[in-house]
């Protein structure tokens, strides 16, 4: 099985929510986060972050295509 890693660069992401809306498997969530309790977080505006559930993400790449800031990268191993 191929491992998928989705990375959202917090310094570039504006929290527009396009990736969350476009994700066909609901693997992304823009939410207020507690960095202490999250395994992996990406800080954006007003304390919110796009959080990726990598157990759900299927690596389709739709989030990359809809990101106007090109803040998302997808890697496979």
PDB file of N, CA and C in Angstrom:
ATOM      1  N   UNK A   1       0.843  -1.182   0.000  1.00  0.00           N
ATOM      2  CA  UNK A   1       0.000   0.000   0.000  1.00  0.00           C
ATOM      3  C   UNK A   1       0.888   1.245   0.000  1.00  0.00           C
ATOM      4  N   UNK A   2       0.532   2.227  -0.824  1.00  0.00           N
ATOM      5  CA  UNK A   2       1.299   3.456  -0.929  1.00  0.00           C
ATOM      6  C   UNK A   2       0.904   4.427   0.176  1.00  0.00           C
ATOM      7  N   UNK A   3       1.899   4.967   0.866  1.00  0.00           N
ATOM      8  CA  UNK A   3       1.631   5.958   1.908  1.00  0.00           C
ATOM      9  C   UNK A   3       1.440   7.322   1.260  1.00  0.00           C
ATOM     10  N   UNK A   4       0.464   8.050   1.757  1.00  0.00           N
ATOM     11  CA  UNK A   4       0.147   9.373   1.227  1.00  0.00           C
ATOM     12  C   UNK A   4       0.369  10.394   2.325  1.00  0.00           C
ATOM     13  N   UNK A   5       1.043  11.482   1.979  1.00  0.00           N
ATOM     14  CA  UNK A   5       1.247  12.570   2.925  1.00  0.00           C
ATOM     15  C   UNK A   5       0.789  13.868   2.281  1.00  0.00           C
ATOM     16  N   UNK A   6      -0.147  14.525   2.930  1.00  0.00           N
ATOM     17  CA  UNK A   6      -0.670  15.798   2.451  1.00  0.00           C
ATOM     18  C   UNK A   6      -0.123  16.886   3.352  1.00  0.00           C
ATOM     19  N   UNK A   7       0.497  17.886   2.750  1.00  0.00           N
ATOM     20  CA  UNK A   7       1.080  18.969   3.537  1.00  0.00           C
ATOM     21  C   UNK A   7       0.463  20.290   3.107  1.00  0.00           C
ATOM     22  N   UNK A   8      -0.021  21.050   4.080  1.00  0.00           N
ATOM     23  CA  UNK A   8      -0.567  22.371   3.822  1.00  0.00           C
ATOM     24  C   UNK A   8       0.336  23.380   4.504  1.00  0.00           C
ATOM     25  N   UNK A   9       0.940  24.241   3.697  1.00  0.00           N
ATOM     26  CA  UNK A   9       1.885  25.207   4.240  1.00  0.00           C
ATOM     27  C   UNK A   9       1.128  26.357   4.900  1.00  0.00           C
ATOM     28  N   UNK A  10       1.185  26.382   6.218  1.00  0.00           N
ATOM     29  CA  UNK A  10       0.454  27.367   6.997  1.00  0.00           C
ATOM     30  C   UNK A  10       0.829  28.795   6.702  1.00  0.00           C
ATOM     31  N   UNK A  11       2.054  29.031   6.307  1.00  0.00           N
ATOM     32  CA  UNK A  11       2.466  30.409   6.032  1.00  0.00           C
ATOM     33  C   UNK A  11       1.900  30.915   4.706  1.00  0.00           C
ATOM     34  N   UNK A  12       1.413  30.012   3.857  1.00  0.00           N
ATOM     35  CA  UNK A  12       0.843  30.384   2.568  1.00  0.00           C
ATOM     36  C   UNK A  12      -0.682  30.283   2.586  1.00  0.00           C
ATOM     37  N   UNK A  13      -1.225  29.287   3.272  1.00  0.00           N
ATOM     38  CA  UNK A  13      -2.673  29.032   3.317  1.00  0.00           C
ATOM     39  C   UNK A  13      -3.404  30.247   3.897  1.00  0.00           C
ATOM     40  N   UNK A  14      -4.495  30.629   3.230  1.00  0.00           N
ATOM     41  CA  UNK A  14      -5.305  31.755   3.712  1.00  0.00           C
ATOM     42  C   UNK A  14      -6.578  31.287   4.401  1.00  0.00           C
ATOM     43  N   UNK A  15      -6.795  29.992   4.459  1.00  0.00           N
ATOM     44  CA  UNK A  15      -8.007  29.452   5.083  1.00  0.00           C
ATOM     45  C   UNK A  15      -9.253  29.706   4.251  1.00  0.00           C
ATOM     46  N   UNK A  16      -9.128  29.720   2.933  1.00  0.00           N
ATOM     47  CA  UNK A  16     -10.265  30.014   2.047  1.00  0.00           C
ATOM     48  C   UNK A  16     -11.331  28.924   2.073  1.00  0.00           C
ATOM     49  N   UNK A  17     -10.955  27.720   2.498  1.00  0.00           N
ATOM     50  CA  UNK A  17     -11.890  26.600   2.632  1.00  0.00           C
ATOM     51  C   UNK A  17     -12.165  25.864   1.329  1.00  0.00           C
ATOM     52  N   UNK A  18     -11.545  26.275   0.225  1.00  0.00           N
ATOM     53  CA  UNK A  18     -11.788  25.602  -1.058  1.00  0.00           C
ATOM     54  C   UNK A  18     -11.442  24.118  -0.992  1.00  0.00           C
ATOM     55  N   UNK A  19     -10.341  23.779  -0.371  1.00  0.00           N
ATOM     56  CA  UNK A  19      -9.912  22.381  -0.306  1.00  0.00           C
ATOM     57  C   UNK A  19     -10.883  21.547   0.518  1.00  0.00           C
ATOM     58  N   UNK A  20     -11.388  22.124   1.581  1.00  0.00           N
ATOM     59  CA  UNK A  20     -12.326  21.403   2.451  1.00  0.00           C
ATOM     60  C   UNK A  20     -13.609  21.086   1.684  1.00  0.00           C
ATOM     61  N   UNK A  21     -14.118  22.072   0.959  1.00  0.00           N
ATOM     62  CA  UNK A  21     -15.360  21.894   0.199  1.00  0.00           C
ATOM     63  C   UNK A  21     -15.163  20.897  -0.946  1.00  0.00           C
ATOM     64  N   UNK A  22     -14.013  20.931  -1.590  1.00  0.00           N
ATOM     65  CA  UNK A  22     -13.772  20.086  -2.762  1.00  0.00           C
ATOM     66  C   UNK A  22     -13.452  18.632  -2.422  1.00  0.00           C
ATOM     67  N   UNK A  23     -13.005  18.354  -1.228  1.00  0.00           N
ATOM     68  CA  UNK A  23     -12.571  17.000  -0.871  1.00  0.00           C
ATOM     69  C   UNK A  23     -13.750  16.018  -0.948  1.00  0.00           C
ATOM     70  N   UNK A  24     -13.649  14.992  -1.813  1.00  0.00           N
ATOM     71  CA  UNK A  24     -14.767  14.056  -1.982  1.00  0.00           C
ATOM     72  C   UNK A  24     -14.928  13.057  -0.842  1.00  0.00           C
ATOM     73  N   UNK A  25     -13.929  12.962   0.025  1.00  0.00           N
ATOM     74  CA  UNK A  25     -14.016  11.974   1.115  1.00  0.00           C
ATOM     75  C   UNK A  25     -14.007  12.632   2.496  1.00  0.00           C
ATOM     76  N   UNK A  26     -14.142  13.949   2.518  1.00  0.00           N
ATOM     77  CA  UNK A  26     -14.185  14.697   3.789  1.00  0.00           C
ATOM     78  C   UNK A  26     -12.953  14.451   4.671  1.00  0.00           C
ATOM     79  N   UNK A  27     -11.785  14.469   4.028  1.00  0.00           N
ATOM     80  CA  UNK A  27     -10.552  14.257   4.781  1.00  0.00           C
ATOM     81  C   UNK A  27      -9.990  15.551   5.353  1.00  0.00           C
ATOM     82  N   UNK A  28     -10.519  16.690   4.915  1.00  0.00           N
ATOM     83  CA  UNK A  28     -10.009  17.981   5.351  1.00  0.00           C
ATOM     84  C   UNK A  28     -11.051  18.706   6.172  1.00  0.00           C
ATOM     85  N   UNK A  29     -10.564  19.456   7.148  1.00  0.00           N
ATOM     86  CA  UNK A  29     -11.459  20.228   7.999  1.00  0.00           C
ATOM     87  C   UNK A  29     -10.767  21.534   8.367  1.00  0.00           C
ATOM     88  N   UNK A  30     -11.487  22.652   8.185  1.00  0.00           N
ATOM     89  CA  UNK A  30     -10.986  23.949   8.641  1.00  0.00           C
ATOM     90  C   UNK A  30     -11.644  24.200   9.983  1.00  0.00           C
ATOM     91  N   UNK A  31     -10.847  24.217  11.016  1.00  0.00           N
ATOM     92  CA  UNK A  31     -11.418  24.273  12.347  1.00  0.00           C
ATOM     93  C   UNK A  31     -10.496  25.011  13.312  1.00  0.00           C
ATOM     94  N   UNK A  32     -11.077  25.455  14.390  1.00  0.00           N
ATOM     95  CA  UNK A  32     -10.269  26.005  15.476  1.00  0.00           C
ATOM     96  C   UNK A  32      -9.539  24.829  16.094  1.00  0.00           C
ATOM     97  N   UNK A  33      -8.263  25.003  16.293  1.00  0.00           N
ATOM     98  CA  UNK A  33      -7.463  23.871  16.738  1.00  0.00           C
ATOM     99  C   UNK A  33      -6.777  24.148  18.062  1.00  0.00           C
ATOM    100  N   UNK A  34      -6.497  23.085  18.740  1.00  0.00           N
ATOM    101  CA  UNK A  34      -5.634  23.139  19.910  1.00  0.00           C
ATOM    102  C   UNK A  34      -4.355  22.411  19.522  1.00  0.00           C
ATOM    103  N   UNK A  35      -3.287  23.147  19.272  1.00  0.00           N
ATOM    104  CA  UNK A  35      -2.063  22.523  18.768  1.00  0.00           C
ATOM    105  C   UNK A  35      -1.512  21.445  19.691  1.00  0.00           C
ATOM    106  N   UNK A  36      -1.868  21.498  20.932  1.00  0.00           N
ATOM    107  CA  UNK A  36      -1.347  20.515  21.877  1.00  0.00           C
ATOM    108  C   UNK A  36      -1.999  19.154  21.675  1.00  0.00           C
ATOM    109  N   UNK A  37      -3.261  19.149  21.283  1.00  0.00           N
ATOM    110  CA  UNK A  37      -3.971  17.875  21.171  1.00  0.00           C
ATOM    111  C   UNK A  37      -3.980  17.300  19.764  1.00  0.00           C
ATOM    112  N   UNK A  38      -3.541  18.052  18.771  1.00  0.00           N
ATOM    113  CA  UNK A  38      -3.537  17.578  17.393  1.00  0.00           C
ATOM    114  C   UNK A  38      -2.179  16.996  17.048  1.00  0.00           C
ATOM    115  N   UNK A  39      -2.202  15.855  16.350  1.00  0.00           N
ATOM    116  CA  UNK A  39      -0.969  15.223  15.918  1.00  0.00           C
ATOM    117  C   UNK A  39      -0.276  16.076  14.861  1.00  0.00           C
ATOM    118  N   UNK A  40      -1.063  16.673  13.982  1.00  0.00           N
ATOM    119  CA  UNK A  40      -0.488  17.435  12.889  1.00  0.00           C
ATOM    120  C   UNK A  40      -1.414  18.599  12.600  1.00  0.00           C
ATOM    121  N   UNK A  41      -0.931  19.810  12.647  1.00  0.00           N
ATOM    122  CA  UNK A  41      -1.782  20.968  12.419  1.00  0.00           C
ATOM    123  C   UNK A  41      -1.075  21.967  11.523  1.00  0.00           C
ATOM    124  N   UNK A  42      -1.876  22.849  10.946  1.00  0.00           N
ATOM    125  CA  UNK A  42      -1.357  23.864  10.051  1.00  0.00           C
ATOM    126  C   UNK A  42      -2.012  25.172  10.429  1.00  0.00           C
ATOM    127  N   UNK A  43      -1.289  26.084  10.993  1.00  0.00           N
ATOM    128  CA  UNK A  43      -1.866  27.338  11.457  1.00  0.00           C
ATOM    129  C   UNK A  43      -2.205  28.257  10.302  1.00  0.00           C
ATOM    130  N   UNK A  44      -3.400  28.827  10.352  1.00  0.00           N
ATOM    131  CA  UNK A  44      -3.809  29.848   9.399  1.00  0.00           C
ATOM    132  C   UNK A  44      -4.372  31.013  10.187  1.00  0.00           C
ATOM    133  N   UNK A  45      -5.318  31.740   9.652  1.00  0.00           N
ATOM    134  CA  UNK A  45      -5.808  32.950  10.285  1.00  0.00           C
ATOM    135  C   UNK A  45      -6.729  32.676  11.466  1.00  0.00           C
ATOM    136  N   UNK A  46      -6.714  33.553  12.419  1.00  0.00           N
ATOM    137  CA  UNK A  46      -7.631  33.542  13.555  1.00  0.00           C
ATOM    138  C   UNK A  46      -7.652  32.235  14.327  1.00  0.00           C
ATOM    139  N   UNK A  47      -6.527  31.593  14.446  1.00  0.00           N
ATOM    140  CA  UNK A  47      -6.444  30.370  15.224  1.00  0.00           C
ATOM    141  C   UNK A  47      -7.018  29.144  14.561  1.00  0.00           C
ATOM    142  N   UNK A  48      -7.467  29.279  13.314  1.00  0.00           N
ATOM    143  CA  UNK A  48      -8.010  28.125  12.604  1.00  0.00           C
ATOM    144  C   UNK A  48      -6.921  27.481  11.763  1.00  0.00           C
ATOM    145  N   UNK A  49      -7.116  26.221  11.497  1.00  0.00           N
ATOM    146  CA  UNK A  49      -6.168  25.479  10.684  1.00  0.00           C
ATOM    147  C   UNK A  49      -6.909  24.456   9.854  1.00  0.00           C
ATOM    148  N   UNK A  50      -6.310  24.110   8.729  1.00  0.00           N
ATOM    149  CA  UNK A  50      -6.822  23.002   7.944  1.00  0.00           C
ATOM    150  C   UNK A  50      -6.172  21.741   8.496  1.00  0.00           C
ATOM    151  N   UNK A  51      -6.987  20.837   8.940  1.00  0.00           N
ATOM    152  CA  UNK A  51      -6.509  19.596   9.527  1.00  0.00           C
ATOM    153  C   UNK A  51      -6.813  18.462   8.555  1.00  0.00           C
ATOM    154  N   UNK A  52      -5.842  17.625   8.338  1.00  0.00           N
ATOM    155  CA  UNK A  52      -5.973  16.516   7.394  1.00  0.00           C
ATOM    156  C   UNK A  52      -6.094  15.201   8.165  1.00  0.00           C
ATOM    157  N   UNK A  53      -7.114  14.448   7.842  1.00  0.00           N
ATOM    158  CA  UNK A  53      -7.228  13.100   8.386  1.00  0.00           C
ATOM    159  C   UNK A  53      -6.593  12.168   7.364  1.00  0.00           C
ATOM    160  N   UNK A  54      -5.353  11.817   7.577  1.00  0.00           N
ATOM    161  CA  UNK A  54      -4.608  11.027   6.594  1.00  0.00           C
ATOM    162  C   UNK A  54      -5.095   9.581   6.509  1.00  0.00           C
ATOM    163  N   UNK A  55      -5.885   9.148   7.478  1.00  0.00           N
ATOM    164  CA  UNK A  55      -6.481   7.817   7.385  1.00  0.00           C
ATOM    165  C   UNK A  55      -7.631   7.799   6.384  1.00  0.00           C
ATOM    166  N   UNK A  56      -8.220   8.984   6.129  1.00  0.00           N
ATOM    167  CA  UNK A  56      -9.357   9.092   5.214  1.00  0.00           C
ATOM    168  C   UNK A  56      -8.901   9.545   3.824  1.00  0.00           C
ATOM    169  N   UNK A  57      -7.881  10.407   3.749  1.00  0.00           N
ATOM    170  CA  UNK A  57      -7.397  10.949   2.473  1.00  0.00           C
ATOM    171  C   UNK A  57      -7.015   9.808   1.529  1.00  0.00           C
ATOM    172  N   UNK A  58      -7.527   9.892   0.286  1.00  0.00           N
ATOM    173  CA  UNK A  58      -7.203   8.858  -0.706  1.00  0.00           C
ATOM    174  C   UNK A  58      -6.182   9.339  -1.734  1.00  0.00           C
ATOM    175  N   UNK A  59      -5.687  10.567  -1.560  1.00  0.00           N
ATOM    176  CA  UNK A  59      -4.642  11.087  -2.430  1.00  0.00           C
ATOM    177  C   UNK A  59      -5.103  11.467  -3.816  1.00  0.00           C
ATOM    178  N   UNK A  60      -6.366  11.806  -3.984  1.00  0.00           N
ATOM    179  CA  UNK A  60      -6.896  12.125  -5.315  1.00  0.00           C
ATOM    180  C   UNK A  60      -6.310  13.427  -5.877  1.00  0.00           C
ATOM    181  N   UNK A  61      -5.894  14.348  -5.011  1.00  0.00           N
ATOM    182  CA  UNK A  61      -5.265  15.582  -5.462  1.00  0.00           C
ATOM    183  C   UNK A  61      -6.211  16.710  -5.829  1.00  0.00           C
ATOM    184  N   UNK A  62      -7.499  16.528  -5.626  1.00  0.00           N
ATOM    185  CA  UNK A  62      -8.451  17.589  -5.963  1.00  0.00           C
ATOM    186  C   UNK A  62      -8.165  18.846  -5.134  1.00  0.00           C
ATOM    187  N   UNK A  63      -7.766  18.687  -3.906  1.00  0.00           N
ATOM    188  CA  UNK A  63      -7.474  19.841  -3.043  1.00  0.00           C
ATOM    189  C   UNK A  63      -6.334  20.686  -3.621  1.00  0.00           C
ATOM    190  N   UNK A  64      -5.375  20.038  -4.243  1.00  0.00           N
ATOM    191  CA  UNK A  64      -4.271  20.775  -4.856  1.00  0.00           C
ATOM    192  C   UNK A  64      -4.764  21.660  -5.986  1.00  0.00           C
ATOM    193  N   UNK A  65      -5.688  21.118  -6.772  1.00  0.00           N
ATOM    194  CA  UNK A  65      -6.175  21.834  -7.951  1.00  0.00           C
ATOM    195  C   UNK A  65      -7.028  23.043  -7.588  1.00  0.00           C
ATOM    196  N   UNK A  66      -7.718  23.014  -6.453  1.00  0.00           N
ATOM    197  CA  UNK A  66      -8.616  24.115  -6.097  1.00  0.00           C
ATOM    198  C   UNK A  66      -7.957  25.150  -5.191  1.00  0.00           C
ATOM    199  N   UNK A  67      -6.749  24.895  -4.737  1.00  0.00           N
ATOM    200  CA  UNK A  67      -6.068  25.831  -3.835  1.00  0.00           C
ATOM    201  C   UNK A  67      -5.515  27.019  -4.626  1.00  0.00           C
ATOM    202  N   UNK A  68      -6.063  28.229  -4.426  1.00  0.00           N
ATOM    203  CA  UNK A  68      -5.584  29.383  -5.188  1.00  0.00           C
ATOM    204  C   UNK A  68      -4.186  29.830  -4.766  1.00  0.00           C
ATOM    205  N   UNK A  69      -3.744  29.436  -3.606  1.00  0.00           N
ATOM    206  CA  UNK A  69      -2.427  29.840  -3.102  1.00  0.00           C
ATOM    207  C   UNK A  69      -1.338  28.804  -3.377  1.00  0.00           C
ATOM    208  N   UNK A  70      -1.742  27.646  -3.902  1.00  0.00           N
ATOM    209  CA  UNK A  70      -0.809  26.527  -4.119  1.00  0.00           C
ATOM    210  C   UNK A  70      -0.068  26.190  -2.818  1.00  0.00           C
ATOM    211  N   UNK A  71      -0.841  26.107  -1.753  1.00  0.00           N
ATOM    212  CA  UNK A  71      -0.273  25.851  -0.428  1.00  0.00           C
ATOM    213  C   UNK A  71      -0.224  24.369  -0.080  1.00  0.00           C
ATOM    214  N   UNK A  72      -0.758  23.523  -0.966  1.00  0.00           N
ATOM    215  CA  UNK A  72      -0.880  22.099  -0.650  1.00  0.00           C
ATOM    216  C   UNK A  72       0.061  21.293  -1.530  1.00  0.00           C
ATOM    217  N   UNK A  73       0.744  20.361  -0.905  1.00  0.00           N
ATOM    218  CA  UNK A  73       1.551  19.405  -1.654  1.00  0.00           C
ATOM    219  C   UNK A  73       1.147  17.998  -1.214  1.00  0.00           C
ATOM    220  N   UNK A  74       1.253  17.082  -2.152  1.00  0.00           N
ATOM    221  CA  UNK A  74       0.893  15.699  -1.906  1.00  0.00           C
ATOM    222  C   UNK A  74       2.071  14.834  -2.306  1.00  0.00           C
ATOM    223  N   UNK A  75       2.486  13.993  -1.404  1.00  0.00           N
ATOM    224  CA  UNK A  75       3.592  13.095  -1.712  1.00  0.00           C
ATOM    225  C   UNK A  75       3.164  11.664  -1.450  1.00  0.00           C
ATOM    226  N   UNK A  76       3.740  10.766  -2.190  1.00  0.00           N
ATOM    227  CA  UNK A  76       3.500   9.341  -1.977  1.00  0.00           C
ATOM    228  C   UNK A  76       4.834   8.649  -1.824  1.00  0.00           C
ATOM    229  N   UNK A  77       4.811   7.591  -1.084  1.00  0.00           N
ATOM    230  CA  UNK A  77       6.056   6.830  -0.872  1.00  0.00           C
ATOM    231  C   UNK A  77       5.873   5.409  -1.320  1.00  0.00           C
TER     232      UNK A  77
END
